Amino acid sequence: MVALNSPGAGYHECMAATTTIKVTPHARDRINERARANGVTPATFVEALVDEYDRAQRFVAVRAAYAALAAEDDYHAETAEWDATNADALEEA
């Protein structure tokens, strides 16, 4: 889902510099239809899509970093040691 109602949506609409990208008529029609449905310009809609893609890529990088941690058994061993302290009966005190 594209977050078009965020505070920054439409910020770049007021900028004077624009350019043209070549897309198929089918893609253009889909972009225009979805932009209209969201009450924004096609440029704002496309920018929101690119922002969403960039965000998704950042999460891919974060997941890859966490996966690299999984290869380091020290992390999991230390976590298991800390989890074992949950059974030390301190919450009864």
N, C-alpha and C. Protein backbone atom coordinates (compact mmCIF):
# COMPACT_ATOMS: atom_id res chain seq x y z
N MET A 1 0.84 -1.18 0.00
CA MET A 1 0.00 0.00 0.00
C MET A 1 0.88 1.24 0.00
N VAL A 2 0.58 2.16 -0.81
CA VAL A 2 1.36 3.39 -0.92
C VAL A 2 0.82 4.40 0.08
N ALA A 3 1.69 4.95 0.90
CA ALA A 3 1.29 5.94 1.90
C ALA A 3 1.24 7.31 1.26
N LEU A 4 0.10 7.65 0.72
CA LEU A 4 -0.04 8.92 0.01
C LEU A 4 -0.54 10.03 0.89
N ASN A 5 -1.03 9.70 2.06
CA ASN A 5 -1.57 10.72 2.95
C ASN A 5 -0.56 11.16 4.00
N SER A 6 0.71 10.78 3.81
CA SER A 6 1.72 11.18 4.77
C SER A 6 2.01 12.67 4.63
N PRO A 7 2.57 13.28 5.69
CA PRO A 7 2.80 14.73 5.66
C PRO A 7 3.63 15.19 4.47
N GLY A 8 4.54 14.37 3.97
CA GLY A 8 5.40 14.78 2.87
C GLY A 8 4.81 14.52 1.50
N ALA A 9 3.65 13.86 1.44
CA ALA A 9 3.07 13.54 0.14
C ALA A 9 2.74 14.82 -0.61
N GLY A 10 3.19 14.89 -1.83
CA GLY A 10 2.91 16.05 -2.66
C GLY A 10 3.91 17.17 -2.51
N TYR A 11 4.91 16.99 -1.69
CA TYR A 11 5.90 18.04 -1.45
C TYR A 11 6.57 18.47 -2.75
N HIS A 12 6.94 17.50 -3.56
CA HIS A 12 7.69 17.80 -4.77
C HIS A 12 6.80 18.31 -5.91
N GLU A 13 5.50 18.29 -5.73
CA GLU A 13 4.59 18.80 -6.75
C GLU A 13 4.82 20.28 -7.02
N CYS A 14 5.20 21.03 -6.01
CA CYS A 14 5.35 22.46 -6.18
C CYS A 14 6.70 22.85 -6.77
N MET A 15 7.54 21.89 -7.00
CA MET A 15 8.84 22.18 -7.59
C MET A 15 8.66 22.36 -9.10
N ALA A 16 9.36 23.32 -9.68
CA ALA A 16 9.19 23.67 -11.08
C ALA A 16 9.81 22.65 -12.03
N ALA A 17 10.91 22.04 -11.67
CA ALA A 17 11.60 21.13 -12.57
C ALA A 17 10.86 19.81 -12.68
N THR A 18 10.55 19.41 -13.90
CA THR A 18 9.93 18.11 -14.15
C THR A 18 10.62 17.48 -15.35
N THR A 19 10.36 16.22 -15.55
CA THR A 19 10.90 15.50 -16.69
C THR A 19 9.89 14.48 -17.15
N THR A 20 10.18 13.82 -18.22
CA THR A 20 9.28 12.83 -18.79
C THR A 20 9.96 11.47 -18.75
N ILE A 21 9.21 10.44 -18.38
CA ILE A 21 9.72 9.08 -18.48
C ILE A 21 8.84 8.33 -19.47
N LYS A 22 9.43 7.39 -20.16
CA LYS A 22 8.67 6.62 -21.14
C LYS A 22 8.15 5.35 -20.49
N VAL A 23 6.85 5.19 -20.53
CA VAL A 23 6.20 3.98 -20.05
C VAL A 23 5.20 3.56 -21.11
N THR A 24 4.78 2.32 -21.03
CA THR A 24 3.77 1.85 -21.98
C THR A 24 2.45 2.56 -21.69
N PRO A 25 1.59 2.64 -22.68
CA PRO A 25 0.26 3.24 -22.42
C PRO A 25 -0.48 2.51 -21.30
N HIS A 26 -0.31 1.21 -21.24
CA HIS A 26 -0.98 0.43 -20.19
C HIS A 26 -0.47 0.86 -18.81
N ALA A 27 0.85 1.01 -18.65
CA ALA A 27 1.41 1.45 -17.37
C ALA A 27 0.95 2.86 -17.05
N ARG A 28 0.97 3.74 -18.04
CA ARG A 28 0.52 5.13 -17.83
C ARG A 28 -0.92 5.15 -17.34
N ASP A 29 -1.78 4.34 -17.97
CA ASP A 29 -3.19 4.31 -17.58
C ASP A 29 -3.36 3.78 -16.15
N ARG A 30 -2.59 2.77 -15.80
CA ARG A 30 -2.67 2.22 -14.45
C ARG A 30 -2.20 3.25 -13.42
N ILE A 31 -1.11 3.95 -13.72
CA ILE A 31 -0.61 4.98 -12.81
C ILE A 31 -1.65 6.08 -12.65
N ASN A 32 -2.19 6.56 -13.76
CA ASN A 32 -3.19 7.63 -13.71
C ASN A 32 -4.43 7.21 -12.93
N GLU A 33 -4.88 5.99 -13.16
CA GLU A 33 -6.08 5.49 -12.48
C GLU A 33 -5.87 5.42 -10.96
N ARG A 34 -4.74 4.88 -10.56
CA ARG A 34 -4.47 4.76 -9.13
C ARG A 34 -4.20 6.11 -8.48
N ALA A 35 -3.56 7.01 -9.21
CA ALA A 35 -3.33 8.36 -8.68
C ALA A 35 -4.66 9.07 -8.46
N ARG A 36 -5.55 8.99 -9.44
CA ARG A 36 -6.88 9.60 -9.30
C ARG A 36 -7.62 9.02 -8.10
N ALA A 37 -7.55 7.69 -7.96
CA ALA A 37 -8.26 7.03 -6.85
C ALA A 37 -7.74 7.49 -5.49
N ASN A 38 -6.47 7.89 -5.44
CA ASN A 38 -5.86 8.35 -4.20
C ASN A 38 -5.87 9.86 -4.07
N GLY A 39 -6.39 10.55 -5.07
CA GLY A 39 -6.49 12.00 -5.00
C GLY A 39 -5.16 12.72 -5.10
N VAL A 40 -4.21 12.13 -5.83
CA VAL A 40 -2.90 12.75 -6.00
C VAL A 40 -2.54 12.79 -7.48
N THR A 41 -1.48 13.50 -7.79
CA THR A 41 -1.01 13.53 -9.17
C THR A 41 -0.27 12.23 -9.48
N PRO A 42 -0.15 11.91 -10.77
CA PRO A 42 0.64 10.73 -11.13
C PRO A 42 2.09 10.83 -10.62
N ALA A 43 2.66 12.04 -10.65
CA ALA A 43 4.04 12.21 -10.17
C ALA A 43 4.14 11.87 -8.69
N THR A 44 3.20 12.33 -7.91
CA THR A 44 3.20 12.04 -6.47
C THR A 44 3.02 10.55 -6.23
N PHE A 45 2.14 9.94 -7.01
CA PHE A 45 1.90 8.50 -6.87
C PHE A 45 3.17 7.71 -7.17
N VAL A 46 3.85 8.04 -8.27
CA VAL A 46 5.07 7.33 -8.64
C VAL A 46 6.14 7.56 -7.58
N GLU A 47 6.26 8.78 -7.10
CA GLU A 47 7.25 9.07 -6.06
C GLU A 47 6.98 8.26 -4.80
N ALA A 48 5.71 8.12 -4.43
CA ALA A 48 5.36 7.31 -3.27
C ALA A 48 5.72 5.84 -3.49
N LEU A 49 5.54 5.36 -4.71
CA LEU A 49 5.92 3.98 -5.03
C LEU A 49 7.43 3.79 -4.88
N VAL A 50 8.20 4.74 -5.36
CA VAL A 50 9.66 4.64 -5.26
C VAL A 50 10.08 4.72 -3.80
N ASP A 51 9.44 5.60 -3.03
CA ASP A 51 9.74 5.69 -1.59
C ASP A 51 9.45 4.37 -0.90
N GLU A 52 8.33 3.75 -1.25
CA GLU A 52 7.97 2.47 -0.64
C GLU A 52 8.98 1.39 -1.03
N TYR A 53 9.41 1.40 -2.28
CA TYR A 53 10.41 0.44 -2.73
C TYR A 53 11.72 0.64 -1.96
N ASP A 54 12.16 1.89 -1.82
CA ASP A 54 13.39 2.18 -1.08
C ASP A 54 13.29 1.69 0.36
N ARG A 55 12.14 1.90 0.98
CA ARG A 55 11.93 1.44 2.36
C ARG A 55 12.02 -0.08 2.43
N ALA A 56 11.39 -0.76 1.48
CA ALA A 56 11.43 -2.22 1.44
C ALA A 56 12.87 -2.72 1.29
N GLN A 57 13.67 -2.02 0.49
CA GLN A 57 15.06 -2.42 0.30
C GLN A 57 15.87 -2.23 1.58
N ARG A 58 15.56 -1.18 2.34
CA ARG A 58 16.24 -1.00 3.62
C ARG A 58 15.93 -2.17 4.56
N PHE A 59 14.68 -2.63 4.55
CA PHE A 59 14.32 -3.77 5.39
C PHE A 59 15.00 -5.05 4.91
N VAL A 60 15.18 -5.20 3.61
CA VAL A 60 15.92 -6.35 3.08
C VAL A 60 17.34 -6.33 3.64
N ALA A 61 17.96 -5.16 3.66
CA ALA A 61 19.32 -5.04 4.20
C ALA A 61 19.35 -5.36 5.69
N VAL A 62 18.35 -4.91 6.43
CA VAL A 62 18.29 -5.20 7.87
C VAL A 62 18.13 -6.69 8.10
N ARG A 63 17.23 -7.33 7.33
CA ARG A 63 17.04 -8.78 7.48
C ARG A 63 18.33 -9.53 7.15
N ALA A 64 19.05 -9.07 6.13
CA ALA A 64 20.31 -9.71 5.77
C ALA A 64 21.33 -9.56 6.90
N ALA A 65 21.36 -8.40 7.54
CA ALA A 65 22.28 -8.18 8.65
C ALA A 65 21.94 -9.11 9.82
N TYR A 66 20.65 -9.25 10.11
CA TYR A 66 20.26 -10.17 11.18
C TYR A 66 20.56 -11.61 10.81
N ALA A 67 20.40 -11.97 9.55
CA ALA A 67 20.72 -13.32 9.11
C ALA A 67 22.22 -13.59 9.28
N ALA A 68 23.04 -12.57 9.05
CA ALA A 68 24.48 -12.73 9.25
C ALA A 68 24.79 -12.97 10.72
N LEU A 69 24.02 -12.34 11.61
CA LEU A 69 24.20 -12.58 13.05
C LEU A 69 23.90 -14.03 13.40
N ALA A 70 22.92 -14.61 12.71
CA ALA A 70 22.54 -15.99 12.99
C ALA A 70 23.71 -16.94 12.74
N ALA A 71 24.60 -16.57 11.84
CA ALA A 71 25.76 -17.41 11.56
C ALA A 71 26.75 -17.36 12.72
N GLU A 72 26.68 -16.32 13.54
CA GLU A 72 27.55 -16.22 14.70
C GLU A 72 26.85 -16.88 15.89
N ASP A 73 27.28 -18.07 16.24
CA ASP A 73 26.62 -18.84 17.30
C ASP A 73 26.71 -18.15 18.65
N ASP A 74 27.65 -17.24 18.84
CA ASP A 74 27.80 -16.55 20.12
C ASP A 74 26.51 -15.79 20.47
N TYR A 75 25.91 -15.16 19.48
CA TYR A 75 24.68 -14.40 19.72
C TYR A 75 23.60 -15.31 20.27
N HIS A 76 23.39 -16.45 19.61
CA HIS A 76 22.34 -17.36 20.06
C HIS A 76 22.68 -18.02 21.39
N ALA A 77 23.94 -18.31 21.60
CA ALA A 77 24.35 -18.91 22.87
C ALA A 77 24.14 -17.92 24.01
N GLU A 78 24.52 -16.67 23.80
CA GLU A 78 24.35 -15.65 24.83
C GLU A 78 22.86 -15.42 25.12
N THR A 79 22.05 -15.37 24.08
CA THR A 79 20.61 -15.20 24.25
C THR A 79 20.04 -16.36 25.05
N ALA A 80 20.47 -17.56 24.76
CA ALA A 80 20.00 -18.73 25.51
C ALA A 80 20.40 -18.64 26.98
N GLU A 81 21.61 -18.16 27.25
CA GLU A 81 22.05 -18.01 28.64
C GLU A 81 21.18 -17.00 29.39
N TRP A 82 20.87 -15.88 28.74
CA TRP A 82 20.01 -14.88 29.38
C TRP A 82 18.60 -15.43 29.58
N ASP A 83 18.11 -16.17 28.60
CA ASP A 83 16.77 -16.76 28.73
C ASP A 83 16.72 -17.74 29.90
N ALA A 84 17.81 -18.43 30.17
CA ALA A 84 17.85 -19.39 31.27
C ALA A 84 17.68 -18.69 32.61
N THR A 85 18.07 -17.42 32.69
CA THR A 85 17.93 -16.70 33.95
C THR A 85 16.46 -16.41 34.27
N ASN A 86 15.59 -16.55 33.30
CA ASN A 86 14.16 -16.34 33.57
C ASN A 86 13.61 -17.36 34.54
N ALA A 87 14.27 -18.48 34.65
CA ALA A 87 13.78 -19.57 35.52
C ALA A 87 14.50 -19.57 36.88
N ASP A 88 15.16 -18.47 37.26
CA ASP A 88 15.91 -18.47 38.51
C ASP A 88 15.08 -18.08 39.73
N ALA A 89 13.78 -17.99 39.57
CA ALA A 89 12.84 -17.75 40.67
C ALA A 89 12.93 -16.35 41.27
N LEU A 90 13.55 -15.42 40.62
CA LEU A 90 13.64 -14.07 41.18
C LEU A 90 12.28 -13.36 41.18
N GLU A 91 11.42 -13.71 40.26
CA GLU A 91 10.13 -13.01 40.25
C GLU A 91 9.28 -13.36 41.45
N GLU A 92 9.62 -14.41 42.19
CA GLU A 92 8.87 -14.77 43.39
C GLU A 92 9.31 -13.90 44.58
N ALA A 93 10.40 -13.20 44.47
CA ALA A 93 10.93 -12.44 45.61
C ALA A 93 10.10 -11.21 45.87
